[in-house]
């Protein structure tokens, strides 16, 4: 399978996990960039989650995934989401 398609499965799972959290949880847990490794289908992946914006109306969060292989990982697969407050 194409490397980026494999990353997409991980990214979709992480987006689902992080977007299910409340705005308050996101702000609290993402006071600093969160970088961690996880394993899916016996493959290691690197994940970075970052709070991009925290406004009065919403929080904006970025999630990026790669497998640590060069040069592919120089451009990780990423997406962001906006969670409205209130």
C-alpha atoms as a PDB file:
ATOM      1  CA  UNK A   1       0.000   0.000   0.000  1.00  0.00           C
ATOM      2  CA  UNK A   2       1.134   3.540  -0.691  1.00  0.00           C
ATOM      3  CA  UNK A   3       2.905   5.023   2.340  1.00  0.00           C
ATOM      4  CA  UNK A   4       0.657   8.101   2.468  1.00  0.00           C
ATOM      5  CA  UNK A   5      -2.461   5.907   2.339  1.00  0.00           C
ATOM      6  CA  UNK A   6      -1.168   4.086   5.403  1.00  0.00           C
ATOM      7  CA  UNK A   7      -0.580   7.433   7.103  1.00  0.00           C
ATOM      8  CA  UNK A   8      -4.166   8.440   6.235  1.00  0.00           C
ATOM      9  CA  UNK A   9      -5.580   5.597   8.380  1.00  0.00           C
ATOM     10  CA  UNK A  10      -3.568   6.796  11.355  1.00  0.00           C
ATOM     11  CA  UNK A  11      -4.408  10.454  10.730  1.00  0.00           C
ATOM     12  CA  UNK A  12      -8.135   9.708  10.497  1.00  0.00           C
ATOM     13  CA  UNK A  13      -8.039   7.791  13.795  1.00  0.00           C
ATOM     14  CA  UNK A  14      -6.104  10.572  15.551  1.00  0.00           C
ATOM     15  CA  UNK A  15      -8.410  13.272  14.156  1.00  0.00           C
ATOM     16  CA  UNK A  16     -11.397  11.345  15.494  1.00  0.00           C
ATOM     17  CA  UNK A  17      -9.736  10.993  18.910  1.00  0.00           C
ATOM     18  CA  UNK A  18      -8.726  14.653  19.253  1.00  0.00           C
ATOM     19  CA  UNK A  19     -11.861  16.201  17.731  1.00  0.00           C
ATOM     20  CA  UNK A  20     -14.020  14.297  20.242  1.00  0.00           C
ATOM     21  CA  UNK A  21     -12.454  16.285  23.098  1.00  0.00           C
ATOM     22  CA  UNK A  22     -14.012  19.440  24.475  1.00  0.00           C
ATOM     23  CA  UNK A  23     -12.473  22.850  23.804  1.00  0.00           C
ATOM     24  CA  UNK A  24     -11.405  23.014  27.428  1.00  0.00           C
ATOM     25  CA  UNK A  25      -9.643  19.629  27.178  1.00  0.00           C
ATOM     26  CA  UNK A  26      -7.905  20.637  23.954  1.00  0.00           C
ATOM     27  CA  UNK A  27      -6.594  23.889  25.431  1.00  0.00           C
ATOM     28  CA  UNK A  28      -5.441  22.113  28.583  1.00  0.00           C
ATOM     29  CA  UNK A  29      -3.782  19.159  26.831  1.00  0.00           C
ATOM     30  CA  UNK A  30      -2.206  21.220  24.053  1.00  0.00           C
ATOM     31  CA  UNK A  31      -0.544  24.000  26.035  1.00  0.00           C
ATOM     32  CA  UNK A  32       2.593  22.772  24.239  1.00  0.00           C
ATOM     33  CA  UNK A  33       3.065  20.806  21.027  1.00  0.00           C
ATOM     34  CA  UNK A  34       2.236  17.134  21.660  1.00  0.00           C
ATOM     35  CA  UNK A  35       4.534  14.726  19.827  1.00  0.00           C
ATOM     36  CA  UNK A  36       4.268  10.996  20.391  1.00  0.00           C
ATOM     37  CA  UNK A  37       4.709   7.648  18.701  1.00  0.00           C
ATOM     38  CA  UNK A  38       2.093   4.972  18.268  1.00  0.00           C
ATOM     39  CA  UNK A  39       1.820   1.644  16.537  1.00  0.00           C
ATOM     40  CA  UNK A  40      -0.891   0.570  14.113  1.00  0.00           C
ATOM     41  CA  UNK A  41      -0.841  -2.719  12.194  1.00  0.00           C
ATOM     42  CA  UNK A  42       2.618  -3.402  13.666  1.00  0.00           C
ATOM     43  CA  UNK A  43       4.029  -0.211  12.095  1.00  0.00           C
ATOM     44  CA  UNK A  44       5.394   2.729  14.119  1.00  0.00           C
ATOM     45  CA  UNK A  45       4.076   6.231  13.396  1.00  0.00           C
ATOM     46  CA  UNK A  46       4.915   9.682  14.673  1.00  0.00           C
ATOM     47  CA  UNK A  47       2.068  12.029  15.561  1.00  0.00           C
ATOM     48  CA  UNK A  48       2.177  15.749  16.309  1.00  0.00           C
ATOM     49  CA  UNK A  49      -0.827  17.640  17.639  1.00  0.00           C
ATOM     50  CA  UNK A  50      -0.729  21.407  18.005  1.00  0.00           C
ATOM     51  CA  UNK A  51      -3.156  24.086  19.130  1.00  0.00           C
ATOM     52  CA  UNK A  52      -2.994  26.666  16.336  1.00  0.00           C
ATOM     53  CA  UNK A  53      -5.588  29.141  17.631  1.00  0.00           C
ATOM     54  CA  UNK A  54      -7.568  29.669  20.816  1.00  0.00           C
ATOM     55  CA  UNK A  55     -10.090  32.438  20.240  1.00  0.00           C
ATOM     56  CA  UNK A  56     -13.223  33.454  22.113  1.00  0.00           C
ATOM     57  CA  UNK A  57     -15.322  31.552  19.549  1.00  0.00           C
ATOM     58  CA  UNK A  58     -13.268  28.433  18.710  1.00  0.00           C
ATOM     59  CA  UNK A  59     -10.070  26.425  18.960  1.00  0.00           C
ATOM     60  CA  UNK A  60      -8.124  25.376  15.855  1.00  0.00           C
ATOM     61  CA  UNK A  61      -6.036  22.190  16.116  1.00  0.00           C
ATOM     62  CA  UNK A  62      -3.543  20.614  13.691  1.00  0.00           C
ATOM     63  CA  UNK A  63      -2.752  16.879  13.594  1.00  0.00           C
ATOM     64  CA  UNK A  64       0.208  15.522  11.566  1.00  0.00           C
ATOM     65  CA  UNK A  65       1.340  11.946  10.947  1.00  0.00           C
ATOM     66  CA  UNK A  66       4.382  10.314   9.354  1.00  0.00           C
ATOM     67  CA  UNK A  67       6.387   7.112   9.764  1.00  0.00           C
ATOM     68  CA  UNK A  68       9.808   8.679  10.337  1.00  0.00           C
ATOM     69  CA  UNK A  69      11.209   7.564   6.989  1.00  0.00           C
ATOM     70  CA  UNK A  70      13.229  10.035   4.975  1.00  0.00           C
ATOM     71  CA  UNK A  71      12.636  11.845   2.730  1.00  0.00           C
ATOM     72  CA  UNK A  72       8.858  11.155   2.918  1.00  0.00           C
ATOM     73  CA  UNK A  73       8.525  12.337   6.500  1.00  0.00           C
ATOM     74  CA  UNK A  74       9.845  15.791   5.667  1.00  0.00           C
ATOM     75  CA  UNK A  75       6.275  16.487   4.503  1.00  0.00           C
ATOM     76  CA  UNK A  76       3.956  14.731   6.966  1.00  0.00           C
ATOM     77  CA  UNK A  77       0.299  14.141   6.209  1.00  0.00           C
ATOM     78  CA  UNK A  78      -1.691  16.704   8.175  1.00  0.00           C
ATOM     79  CA  UNK A  79      -5.123  18.147   8.681  1.00  0.00           C
ATOM     80  CA  UNK A  80      -6.670  20.615  11.048  1.00  0.00           C
ATOM     81  CA  UNK A  81     -10.078  21.042  12.595  1.00  0.00           C
ATOM     82  CA  UNK A  82     -12.005  23.818  14.288  1.00  0.00           C
ATOM     83  CA  UNK A  83     -14.078  23.182  17.400  1.00  0.00           C
ATOM     84  CA  UNK A  84     -16.590  25.868  18.312  1.00  0.00           C
ATOM     85  CA  UNK A  85     -16.891  26.994  21.916  1.00  0.00           C
ATOM     86  CA  UNK A  86     -20.156  27.266  23.750  1.00  0.00           C
END
